[in-house]
Amino acid sequence: MSGISKAFPGVKALDGVSLTVQSGEVHALVGENGAGKSTLMKVLAGAYRADAGQIEIDGSPVTIDGPRTAERYGIAMIYQEFNLVPYLDVVQNIMLGHEPARGLLLDRGAALRTATAVLTELDIALPLDRPARRLSVAQQQLVEIAKALVRKARLIVMDEPTAALTDREIDALFALIRKLKSQGVAFVYISHRLEELPLISDRITVIRDGRTIETNPTAQMPQDRVIRLMVGRELDARFPDLPAVDAGAAVILAVQHLSSASGVHDVSFEVRAGEIVGLAGLVGAGRTEIVRAIAGADVPTGGAVDVDGKRVTVDGPHTAIEAGIALITEDRKAQGLVLGMTVRENVTLAHLDAYSQYGFVNRAEEETTTVKEIAELRIRTPSTEQLVRNLSGGTQQKVVLAKWLIGRAKVYLFDEPTRGIDIGAKAEIYLLMVELLRHGAAIVMVSSELPEVLGMSHRILVVREGRIRAEFSKAEATPDKVIAVATGVAA
């Protein structure tokens, strides 16, 4: 790809970007949210038409005018949100669009044989008759890879492939990538987890503000250099210093013997003003379920929640919001935003009573508030009327935060606050959390990144099987101690 440019209304997403990928290479593509990574790959996959530039395959210029054309050239894209049909089984999803036929009928036997052969070649065991909606994230990803190979892909683009995987699943994915690489398959690997790149990539290309900044072998690109090239400046320490918690600070959140049908069992803890309590544990341990129960997203079946000394009847999100509880959800696209609405509409959505009278919304007041939040949070959007679906992941996360900041909640429940966003946006969110502490807020943070939990918490609660199994102060907590409790090795 050379000189690729692409503009949208109000935004120049790509400005002369170039990228070369070789056979049997894992080429990492990195940059901040909004840098143009996904747009560049959507041009390659035929989802977008470039305004300028040229694509060559095997040295010959080609025109990719749609996904089918990209597929014919051996290009497959595995998006962060998988393209599987939830109610179709593994075989049906692998063969989707390429079903063998016998006359006018689909040949299920031939489909089964083809899918089984691909999975056997990859040394993958999957329940072939299970619907995609009942597969784990790791299994869904393997189905996507099998789909690509059925289509004889020579270049596979993977967008944030490890964002929701456990360490063991990541190891298995890397082993599969290396196997396919040895067979000549090339990969473009997009990830914000920079620590992974030396383990899997051969070269790294950094793009910033829609331009190619640098391409080099991974061995010549230490992490601090990659970060500097991505953000165009030096970043301070990875995690900011947390302000000390006043020993006499008021208890803002008190959770007592909380239980829910979603798997929370007799959970009790407190959070003081100006304190961050981190919930650590393995995927599926029940951390998300705890914060959802506190916020009324899952109605508790027992126990009590007090905010600032007052009992809250948590019978749904509305009562939790009224009490000053804000939930920044794990899945911002499905649960935190309405993608078809504008930035303005999303920012004020949870507080419409403050912007309406006699059933009519005051758009001028909405606009004033949203413009203020855009400036304070440095939200990258051409206007308040931009649809949220057109924003980058990190920018979408800031819109979610803006929604809760205008209500000045007392308790903030951050569930995976930095998943899938770049290092620069992470730093901004960490500083925002510190600012909330200085205003007396209490924060509960769920994160699957152990360094984040250790670096951004005053205290760490380790969750296993829906129960709190241990508590560590910041000084006491070490990765070994937390993992030992999370896995059940230590009591």
Protein backbone atom coordinates (compact mmCIF):
# COMPACT_ATOMS: atom_id res chain seq x y z
CA MET A 1 0.00 0.00 0.00
CA SER A 2 1.53 3.34 -0.98
CA GLY A 3 0.29 6.92 -0.66
CA ILE A 4 -3.13 5.85 0.68
CA SER A 5 -5.40 8.80 1.55
CA LYS A 6 -8.98 8.77 2.82
CA ALA A 7 -11.18 11.62 4.07
CA PHE A 8 -14.55 11.65 5.82
CA PRO A 9 -16.69 14.74 6.43
CA GLY A 10 -14.64 16.96 8.70
CA VAL A 11 -11.79 14.43 9.13
CA LYS A 12 -8.78 13.41 7.02
CA ALA A 13 -8.31 9.88 8.32
CA LEU A 14 -5.35 8.90 6.08
CA ASP A 15 -2.81 11.19 4.47
CA GLY A 16 -0.42 9.33 2.16
CA VAL A 17 0.09 6.21 4.32
CA SER A 18 2.36 3.43 3.07
CA LEU A 19 2.67 -0.17 4.32
CA THR A 20 4.53 -3.17 2.90
CA VAL A 21 3.93 -6.70 4.17
CA GLN A 22 6.02 -9.69 3.16
CA SER A 23 5.08 -13.34 2.83
CA GLY A 24 5.40 -15.24 6.13
CA GLU A 25 5.71 -12.02 8.15
CA VAL A 26 3.85 -10.75 11.21
CA HIS A 27 3.78 -7.00 10.70
CA ALA A 28 2.57 -4.99 13.69
CA LEU A 29 0.62 -1.82 12.93
CA VAL A 30 0.45 0.53 15.92
CA GLY A 31 -0.76 4.03 16.66
CA GLU A 32 -3.04 5.96 18.96
CA ASN A 33 -6.80 5.63 18.64
CA GLY A 34 -7.81 7.74 15.67
CA ALA A 35 -4.38 7.44 14.04
CA GLY A 36 -5.89 5.65 11.04
CA LYS A 37 -5.00 1.99 11.61
CA SER A 38 -8.49 0.56 11.19
CA THR A 39 -9.30 2.88 8.27
CA LEU A 40 -6.15 1.73 6.45
CA MET A 41 -7.07 -1.91 6.94
CA LYS A 42 -10.68 -1.31 5.85
CA VAL A 43 -9.28 0.13 2.61
CA LEU A 44 -7.22 -3.05 2.18
CA ALA A 45 -10.25 -5.23 2.96
CA GLY A 46 -12.49 -3.38 0.50
CA ALA A 47 -14.81 -1.88 3.13
CA TYR A 48 -13.66 1.64 2.11
CA ARG A 49 -12.47 3.02 -1.22
CA ALA A 50 -9.30 5.10 -0.93
CA ASP A 51 -9.38 8.66 -2.28
CA ALA A 52 -5.79 8.32 -3.49
CA GLY A 53 -2.91 5.85 -3.46
CA GLN A 54 -2.12 2.42 -4.86
CA ILE A 55 -2.30 -1.19 -3.68
CA GLU A 56 0.00 -3.81 -5.18
CA ILE A 57 -0.12 -7.58 -4.67
CA ASP A 58 2.87 -9.65 -5.82
CA GLY A 59 4.21 -6.49 -7.45
CA SER A 60 1.16 -5.82 -9.62
CA PRO A 61 -1.29 -2.92 -9.07
CA VAL A 62 -4.79 -4.02 -8.09
CA THR A 63 -8.12 -2.30 -7.50
CA ILE A 64 -9.98 -3.53 -4.42
CA ASP A 65 -13.53 -2.30 -4.83
CA GLY A 66 -15.23 -4.46 -2.21
CA PRO A 67 -14.78 -7.28 0.31
CA ARG A 68 -15.33 -9.98 -2.33
CA THR A 69 -12.47 -8.57 -4.39
CA ALA A 70 -10.19 -8.49 -1.35
CA GLU A 71 -11.12 -12.10 -0.65
CA ARG A 72 -10.19 -13.12 -4.21
CA TYR A 73 -6.73 -11.65 -3.62
CA GLY A 74 -6.35 -13.70 -0.43
CA ILE A 75 -6.97 -10.90 2.07
CA ALA A 76 -8.99 -11.68 5.21
CA MET A 77 -9.81 -9.32 8.07
CA ILE A 78 -10.69 -10.46 11.57
CA TYR A 79 -12.30 -7.50 13.28
CA GLN A 80 -12.23 -6.84 17.01
CA GLU A 81 -16.00 -7.49 16.96
CA PHE A 82 -16.20 -10.84 15.21
CA ASN A 83 -18.33 -11.34 12.08
CA LEU A 84 -20.03 -14.58 13.11
CA VAL A 85 -23.73 -15.44 12.87
CA PRO A 86 -24.69 -16.17 16.51
CA TYR A 87 -27.28 -18.89 15.80
CA LEU A 88 -25.29 -20.78 13.18
CA ASP A 89 -22.96 -23.55 14.32
CA VAL A 90 -19.18 -23.76 13.89
CA VAL A 91 -19.29 -25.54 10.51
CA GLN A 92 -21.93 -23.18 9.12
CA ASN A 93 -19.93 -20.12 10.18
CA ILE A 94 -16.67 -21.45 8.76
CA MET A 95 -18.29 -22.16 5.40
CA LEU A 96 -20.56 -19.08 5.32
CA GLY A 97 -20.71 -17.71 1.77
CA HIS A 98 -18.72 -20.71 0.48
CA GLU A 99 -21.18 -23.51 1.15
CA PRO A 100 -20.75 -26.53 -1.14
CA ALA A 101 -23.90 -27.48 -3.01
CA ARG A 102 -25.34 -30.63 -4.52
CA GLY A 103 -27.67 -29.36 -7.18
CA LEU A 104 -29.95 -26.80 -5.57
CA LEU A 105 -29.31 -28.06 -2.04
CA LEU A 106 -26.49 -27.35 0.40
CA ASP A 107 -24.11 -30.29 0.85
CA ARG A 108 -23.78 -30.52 4.64
CA GLY A 109 -21.48 -33.54 4.38
CA ALA A 110 -19.01 -31.74 2.12
CA ALA A 111 -19.13 -28.65 4.38
CA LEU A 112 -18.37 -30.81 7.42
CA ARG A 113 -15.44 -32.48 5.66
CA THR A 114 -13.94 -29.16 4.53
CA ALA A 115 -14.30 -27.52 7.95
CA THR A 116 -12.92 -30.59 9.72
CA ALA A 117 -9.91 -30.71 7.39
CA VAL A 118 -9.04 -27.06 8.07
CA LEU A 119 -9.41 -27.47 11.84
CA THR A 120 -7.32 -30.66 11.76
CA GLU A 121 -4.60 -28.86 9.79
CA LEU A 122 -4.58 -26.15 12.44
CA ASP A 123 -4.67 -28.75 15.26
CA ILE A 124 -7.80 -27.07 16.65
CA ALA A 125 -10.56 -28.90 18.52
CA LEU A 126 -13.94 -27.14 18.39
CA PRO A 127 -17.51 -28.36 19.05
CA LEU A 128 -18.65 -28.37 15.42
CA ASP A 129 -22.40 -28.38 16.12
CA ARG A 130 -22.34 -25.63 18.77
CA PRO A 131 -23.83 -22.21 17.87
CA ALA A 132 -21.33 -19.35 17.74
CA ARG A 133 -23.16 -17.52 20.54
CA ARG A 134 -22.24 -20.34 22.92
CA LEU A 135 -18.52 -20.29 22.13
CA SER A 136 -15.91 -18.52 24.22
CA VAL A 137 -14.17 -15.46 22.77
CA ALA A 138 -11.06 -17.55 22.09
CA GLN A 139 -13.12 -20.20 20.28
CA GLN A 140 -14.90 -17.56 18.19
CA GLN A 141 -11.51 -16.21 17.16
CA LEU A 142 -10.41 -19.69 16.03
CA VAL A 143 -13.57 -19.95 13.92
CA GLU A 144 -12.64 -16.63 12.27
CA ILE A 145 -9.14 -17.94 11.48
CA ALA A 146 -10.60 -21.16 10.06
CA LYS A 147 -12.98 -19.06 7.93
CA ALA A 148 -9.99 -17.17 6.55
CA LEU A 149 -8.14 -20.35 5.63
CA VAL A 150 -11.17 -21.90 3.92
CA ARG A 151 -11.08 -18.79 1.72
CA LYS A 152 -7.35 -19.49 1.09
CA ALA A 153 -6.19 -16.27 2.77
CA ARG A 154 -2.58 -15.26 2.19
CA LEU A 155 -2.79 -12.15 4.37
CA ILE A 156 -4.80 -12.09 7.61
CA VAL A 157 -5.44 -8.79 9.39
CA MET A 158 -6.06 -9.18 13.14
CA ASP A 159 -7.46 -6.18 15.04
CA GLU A 160 -6.81 -6.35 18.83
CA PRO A 161 -6.82 -10.18 18.77
CA THR A 162 -5.83 -10.63 22.44
CA ALA A 163 -7.98 -7.91 24.05
CA ALA A 164 -10.35 -10.40 25.71
CA LEU A 165 -8.13 -13.50 25.98
CA THR A 166 -6.47 -15.12 28.99
CA ASP A 167 -2.69 -15.63 29.05
CA ARG A 168 -3.12 -19.31 28.17
CA GLU A 169 -5.38 -18.46 25.23
CA ILE A 170 -2.87 -15.84 24.03
CA ASP A 171 -0.09 -18.45 24.08
CA ALA A 172 -2.26 -20.81 22.00
CA LEU A 173 -3.09 -18.02 19.52
CA PHE A 174 0.58 -17.09 19.12
CA ALA A 175 1.49 -20.73 18.50
CA LEU A 176 -1.16 -20.89 15.75
CA ILE A 177 0.07 -17.64 14.17
CA ARG A 178 3.65 -18.98 14.12
CA LYS A 179 2.47 -22.21 12.48
CA LEU A 180 0.62 -20.34 9.72
CA LYS A 181 3.55 -17.94 9.33
CA SER A 182 5.85 -20.92 8.66
CA GLN A 183 3.48 -21.86 5.82
CA GLY A 184 3.89 -18.44 4.21
CA VAL A 185 0.75 -16.75 5.54
CA ALA A 186 1.32 -13.07 6.34
CA PHE A 187 -0.32 -11.13 9.18
CA VAL A 188 -1.01 -7.50 9.93
CA TYR A 189 -1.26 -7.41 13.72
CA ILE A 190 -2.99 -4.40 15.32
CA SER A 191 -2.61 -4.16 19.09
CA HIS A 192 -2.33 -1.62 21.89
CA ARG A 193 -0.62 -4.21 24.09
CA LEU A 194 2.88 -3.16 23.16
CA GLU A 195 4.49 -5.75 25.43
CA GLU A 196 3.21 -8.46 23.03
CA LEU A 197 4.98 -7.14 19.96
CA PRO A 198 8.48 -8.55 20.65
CA LEU A 199 6.87 -11.97 21.21
CA ILE A 200 5.02 -12.21 17.90
CA SER A 201 5.95 -9.51 15.34
CA ASP A 202 8.83 -9.26 12.85
CA ARG A 203 8.43 -5.57 11.94
CA ILE A 204 6.54 -2.60 13.34
CA THR A 205 4.98 0.29 11.48
CA VAL A 206 3.90 3.32 13.53
CA ILE A 207 1.27 5.69 12.16
CA ARG A 208 0.21 8.98 13.73
CA ASP A 209 -2.48 11.44 12.65
CA GLY A 210 -3.08 9.52 9.43
CA ARG A 211 0.59 9.46 8.37
CA THR A 212 3.29 6.79 8.33
CA ILE A 213 5.92 7.72 10.91
CA GLU A 214 8.40 4.83 10.83
CA THR A 215 8.85 1.14 9.91
CA ASN A 216 11.62 -0.97 11.43
CA PRO A 217 12.40 -4.54 12.54
CA THR A 218 10.85 -5.19 15.95
CA ALA A 219 14.30 -5.75 17.47
CA GLN A 220 15.13 -2.11 16.67
CA MET A 221 11.92 -0.74 18.21
CA PRO A 222 12.00 -0.84 22.03
CA GLN A 223 8.71 -0.05 23.73
CA ASP A 224 9.67 3.44 24.89
CA ARG A 225 10.60 4.37 21.31
CA VAL A 226 7.32 2.98 19.94
CA ILE A 227 5.35 5.01 22.51
CA ARG A 228 7.26 8.18 21.66
CA LEU A 229 6.63 7.71 17.94
CA MET A 230 2.94 6.95 18.53
CA VAL A 231 2.12 9.97 20.66
CA GLY A 232 4.72 12.39 19.26
CA ARG A 233 5.93 13.27 22.74
CA GLU A 234 7.46 11.77 25.85
CA LEU A 235 4.95 10.32 28.30
CA ASP A 236 5.46 10.54 32.03
CA ALA A 237 5.59 7.42 34.16
CA ARG A 238 3.15 4.74 33.01
CA PHE A 239 0.93 5.24 36.05
CA PRO A 240 0.50 8.56 37.87
CA ASP A 241 1.10 8.89 41.60
CA LEU A 242 -2.16 8.36 43.47
CA PRO A 243 -3.04 10.94 46.13
CA ALA A 244 -2.92 9.53 49.65
CA VAL A 245 -6.25 8.57 51.20
CA ASP A 246 -7.05 10.58 54.32
CA ALA A 247 -7.36 8.18 57.26
CA GLY A 248 -10.48 10.04 58.36
CA ALA A 249 -12.05 10.19 54.88
CA ALA A 250 -15.74 9.37 54.75
CA VAL A 251 -16.89 5.99 53.48
CA ILE A 252 -18.61 6.84 50.17
CA LEU A 253 -19.52 3.30 49.09
CA ALA A 254 -20.39 0.50 51.50
CA VAL A 255 -21.33 -2.89 50.04
CA GLN A 256 -22.71 -5.39 52.55
CA HIS A 257 -23.31 -9.10 51.85
CA LEU A 258 -24.23 -8.40 48.23
CA SER A 259 -25.50 -11.30 46.12
CA SER A 260 -27.03 -11.58 42.65
CA ALA A 261 -28.40 -14.23 40.32
CA SER A 262 -25.48 -13.55 37.97
CA GLY A 263 -23.02 -15.21 40.37
CA VAL A 264 -22.17 -12.71 43.13
CA HIS A 265 -21.98 -14.34 46.58
CA ASP A 266 -21.93 -12.47 49.91
CA VAL A 267 -19.61 -9.64 48.80
CA SER A 268 -18.76 -6.92 51.33
CA PHE A 269 -16.29 -4.02 51.07
CA GLU A 270 -15.97 -0.25 51.53
CA VAL A 271 -14.45 2.56 49.48
CA ARG A 272 -13.54 5.91 51.00
CA ALA A 273 -13.53 9.36 49.42
CA GLY A 274 -10.42 9.77 47.28
CA GLU A 275 -9.73 6.02 47.09
CA ILE A 276 -9.46 3.52 44.23
CA VAL A 277 -10.23 -0.10 45.08
CA GLY A 278 -9.18 -2.52 42.34
CA LEU A 279 -10.95 -5.82 41.68
CA ALA A 280 -8.48 -8.40 40.40
CA GLY A 281 -9.14 -11.94 39.22
CA LEU A 282 -9.29 -14.22 36.23
CA VAL A 283 -11.75 -13.80 33.35
CA GLY A 284 -15.10 -15.12 34.60
CA ALA A 285 -14.24 -14.66 38.28
CA GLY A 286 -17.25 -12.41 38.88
CA ARG A 287 -15.66 -8.95 38.94
CA THR A 288 -17.95 -7.48 36.28
CA GLU A 289 -20.95 -9.10 37.95
CA ILE A 290 -20.10 -7.32 41.24
CA VAL A 291 -20.03 -3.83 39.72
CA ARG A 292 -23.15 -4.53 37.63
CA ALA A 293 -25.02 -5.54 40.80
CA ILE A 294 -23.90 -2.35 42.59
CA ALA A 295 -25.08 -0.26 39.62
CA GLY A 296 -28.41 -2.06 39.24
CA ALA A 297 -27.58 -3.42 35.80
CA ASP A 298 -28.13 -6.80 37.46
CA VAL A 299 -30.63 -6.41 40.30
CA PRO A 300 -29.19 -7.83 43.56
CA THR A 301 -30.96 -10.76 45.20
CA GLY A 302 -29.61 -9.93 48.64
CA GLY A 303 -27.43 -7.57 50.64
CA ALA A 304 -27.26 -3.79 50.77
CA VAL A 305 -25.53 -0.84 49.10
CA ASP A 306 -24.98 2.48 50.91
CA VAL A 307 -23.77 5.65 49.15
CA ASP A 308 -22.46 8.45 51.36
CA GLY A 309 -24.14 6.90 54.39
CA LYS A 310 -27.57 6.50 52.77
CA ARG A 311 -29.17 3.16 51.90
CA VAL A 312 -29.85 2.74 48.17
CA THR A 313 -32.70 0.54 46.95
CA VAL A 314 -30.92 -0.86 43.91
CA ASP A 315 -33.83 -2.05 41.77
CA GLY A 316 -32.40 -0.88 38.45
CA PRO A 317 -29.92 1.55 36.87
CA HIS A 318 -32.21 4.56 37.40
CA THR A 319 -32.11 4.38 41.19
CA ALA A 320 -28.36 3.83 41.15
CA ILE A 321 -27.85 6.88 38.93
CA GLU A 322 -30.05 8.98 41.22
CA ALA A 323 -27.91 7.86 44.18
CA GLY A 324 -24.72 9.00 42.44
CA ILE A 325 -23.43 5.69 41.07
CA ALA A 326 -21.88 5.68 37.58
CA LEU A 327 -20.99 2.47 35.72
CA ILE A 328 -18.42 2.75 32.93
CA THR A 329 -19.24 -0.57 31.27
CA GLU A 330 -16.82 -3.19 29.97
CA ASP A 331 -18.46 -3.24 26.53
CA ARG A 332 -18.73 0.43 25.62
CA LYS A 333 -20.28 -0.21 22.21
CA ALA A 334 -23.07 -2.55 23.30
CA GLN A 335 -23.75 -1.19 26.80
CA GLY A 336 -22.18 2.25 27.21
CA LEU A 337 -23.20 4.06 24.03
CA VAL A 338 -25.95 4.32 21.45
CA LEU A 339 -23.81 4.15 18.31
CA GLY A 340 -26.44 5.63 16.01
CA MET A 341 -26.75 8.77 18.15
CA THR A 342 -24.51 11.84 18.12
CA VAL A 343 -21.85 12.78 20.65
CA ARG A 344 -24.24 15.37 22.11
CA GLU A 345 -27.08 12.88 22.50
CA ASN A 346 -24.85 10.27 24.15
CA VAL A 347 -23.24 12.73 26.58
CA THR A 348 -26.60 13.90 27.98
CA LEU A 349 -28.51 10.63 27.64
CA ALA A 350 -28.37 9.57 31.30
CA HIS A 351 -29.38 13.04 32.53
CA LEU A 352 -32.14 14.15 30.17
CA ASP A 353 -34.31 15.39 33.03
CA ALA A 354 -31.73 18.14 33.58
CA TYR A 355 -31.98 19.24 29.93
CA SER A 356 -35.71 19.05 29.34
CA GLN A 357 -38.88 20.83 30.35
CA TYR A 358 -42.49 19.91 29.58
CA GLY A 359 -41.24 16.95 27.55
CA PHE A 360 -38.97 19.00 25.26
CA VAL A 361 -35.17 18.73 25.28
CA ASN A 362 -33.23 22.00 25.37
CA ARG A 363 -30.66 21.35 22.64
CA ALA A 364 -28.84 24.64 23.29
CA GLU A 365 -28.09 23.58 26.87
CA GLU A 366 -27.07 20.12 25.65
CA GLU A 367 -24.72 21.74 23.15
CA THR A 368 -23.12 24.00 25.78
CA THR A 369 -22.46 21.07 28.12
CA THR A 370 -21.13 18.81 25.37
CA VAL A 371 -18.76 21.46 23.99
CA LYS A 372 -17.38 21.93 27.52
CA GLU A 373 -16.82 18.19 27.97
CA ILE A 374 -15.21 17.87 24.51
CA ALA A 375 -12.71 20.58 25.49
CA GLU A 376 -11.99 19.21 28.98
CA LEU A 377 -11.54 15.59 27.88
CA ARG A 378 -9.90 16.44 24.54
CA ILE A 379 -12.45 14.36 22.65
CA ARG A 380 -11.43 14.03 18.99
CA THR A 381 -14.58 14.79 17.05
CA PRO A 382 -15.29 17.27 14.24
CA SER A 383 -18.49 18.38 16.00
CA THR A 384 -21.01 17.56 18.71
CA GLU A 385 -23.22 16.13 15.93
CA GLN A 386 -20.77 13.44 14.86
CA LEU A 387 -22.26 9.93 15.16
CA VAL A 388 -20.47 8.02 17.92
CA ARG A 389 -20.06 4.95 15.70
CA ASN A 390 -17.63 6.98 13.54
CA LEU A 391 -15.25 7.69 16.44
CA SER A 392 -12.19 5.65 17.43
CA GLY A 393 -12.35 3.32 20.43
CA GLY A 394 -10.43 5.64 22.75
CA THR A 395 -12.60 8.59 21.74
CA GLN A 396 -15.75 6.55 22.33
CA GLN A 397 -14.47 5.73 25.82
CA LYS A 398 -14.09 9.44 26.53
CA VAL A 399 -17.69 10.04 25.44
CA VAL A 400 -18.78 7.39 27.95
CA LEU A 401 -16.79 9.19 30.65
CA ALA A 402 -18.26 12.57 29.67
CA LYS A 403 -21.76 11.12 30.13
CA TRP A 404 -21.04 10.42 33.79
CA LEU A 405 -18.88 13.46 34.52
CA ILE A 406 -21.69 15.91 33.79
CA GLY A 407 -23.71 14.31 36.59
CA ARG A 408 -20.78 14.47 39.04
CA ALA A 409 -21.33 11.01 40.46
CA LYS A 410 -20.07 10.08 43.92
CA VAL A 411 -19.10 6.52 43.01
CA TYR A 412 -17.45 5.55 39.70
CA LEU A 413 -17.38 1.87 38.72
CA PHE A 414 -14.74 1.51 35.98
CA ASP A 415 -15.01 -1.89 34.25
CA GLU A 416 -11.97 -2.42 32.00
CA PRO A 417 -11.55 1.36 31.51
CA THR A 418 -8.60 1.12 29.09
CA ARG A 419 -9.37 -2.06 27.12
CA GLY A 420 -8.55 -1.63 23.46
CA ILE A 421 -7.30 1.97 23.70
CA ASP A 422 -3.85 3.36 23.04
CA ILE A 423 -1.12 4.32 25.48
CA GLY A 424 -1.76 8.06 25.18
CA ALA A 425 -5.51 7.73 25.83
CA LYS A 426 -4.74 5.43 28.76
CA ALA A 427 -2.54 8.08 30.33
CA GLU A 428 -5.32 10.66 29.95
CA ILE A 429 -7.89 8.36 31.57
CA TYR A 430 -5.53 7.63 34.48
CA LEU A 431 -5.08 11.36 35.07
CA LEU A 432 -8.85 11.84 34.90
CA MET A 433 -9.31 9.17 37.57
CA VAL A 434 -6.81 10.98 39.79
CA GLU A 435 -8.72 14.23 39.24
CA LEU A 436 -11.95 12.51 40.32
CA LEU A 437 -10.21 11.40 43.51
CA ARG A 438 -9.17 14.97 44.25
CA HIS A 439 -12.86 15.93 44.06
CA GLY A 440 -13.71 13.32 46.69
CA ALA A 441 -15.09 10.57 44.46
CA ALA A 442 -14.78 6.87 45.29
CA ILE A 443 -13.67 4.53 42.48
CA VAL A 444 -13.97 0.79 42.00
CA MET A 445 -11.88 -0.46 39.07
CA VAL A 446 -12.04 -3.82 37.31
CA SER A 447 -9.11 -4.64 35.03
CA SER A 448 -7.72 -7.81 33.48
CA GLU A 449 -4.33 -6.10 33.15
CA LEU A 450 -2.61 -6.90 36.44
CA PRO A 451 -0.04 -4.08 36.15
CA GLU A 452 -2.95 -1.64 35.80
CA VAL A 453 -4.66 -2.97 38.92
CA LEU A 454 -1.42 -2.80 40.91
CA GLY A 455 -0.46 0.64 39.57
CA MET A 456 -3.86 2.35 39.86
CA SER A 457 -5.30 1.00 43.15
CA HIS A 458 -4.89 1.96 46.80
CA ARG A 459 -6.23 -1.46 47.74
CA ILE A 460 -6.73 -4.66 45.73
CA LEU A 461 -9.55 -7.15 46.31
CA VAL A 462 -9.01 -10.53 44.64
CA VAL A 463 -12.21 -12.14 43.30
CA ARG A 464 -12.69 -15.83 42.58
CA GLU A 465 -15.99 -17.61 41.87
CA GLY A 466 -18.03 -14.50 42.70
CA ARG A 467 -16.50 -14.00 46.15
CA ILE A 468 -13.78 -11.76 47.54
CA ARG A 469 -10.97 -14.10 48.57
CA ALA A 470 -8.26 -11.67 49.73
CA GLU A 471 -7.43 -8.01 50.24
CA PHE A 472 -4.01 -6.40 49.75
CA SER A 473 -2.80 -2.88 50.31
CA LYS A 474 -0.80 -1.27 47.49
CA ALA A 475 2.40 -1.94 49.44
CA GLU A 476 1.52 -5.60 50.07
CA ALA A 477 0.31 -6.51 46.59
CA THR A 478 2.60 -8.34 44.19
CA PRO A 479 1.74 -10.13 40.93
CA ASP A 480 2.62 -13.52 42.49
CA LYS A 481 0.36 -12.97 45.52
CA VAL A 482 -2.60 -11.80 43.45
CA ILE A 483 -2.31 -14.61 40.90
CA ALA A 484 -1.94 -17.24 43.63
CA VAL A 485 -5.25 -16.18 45.19
CA ALA A 486 -6.99 -15.67 41.83
CA THR A 487 -6.13 -19.20 40.71
CA GLY A 488 -6.92 -20.83 44.07
CA VAL A 489 -3.32 -21.78 44.79
CA ALA A 490 -3.40 -19.61 47.93
CA ALA A 491 -6.38 -19.18 50.22
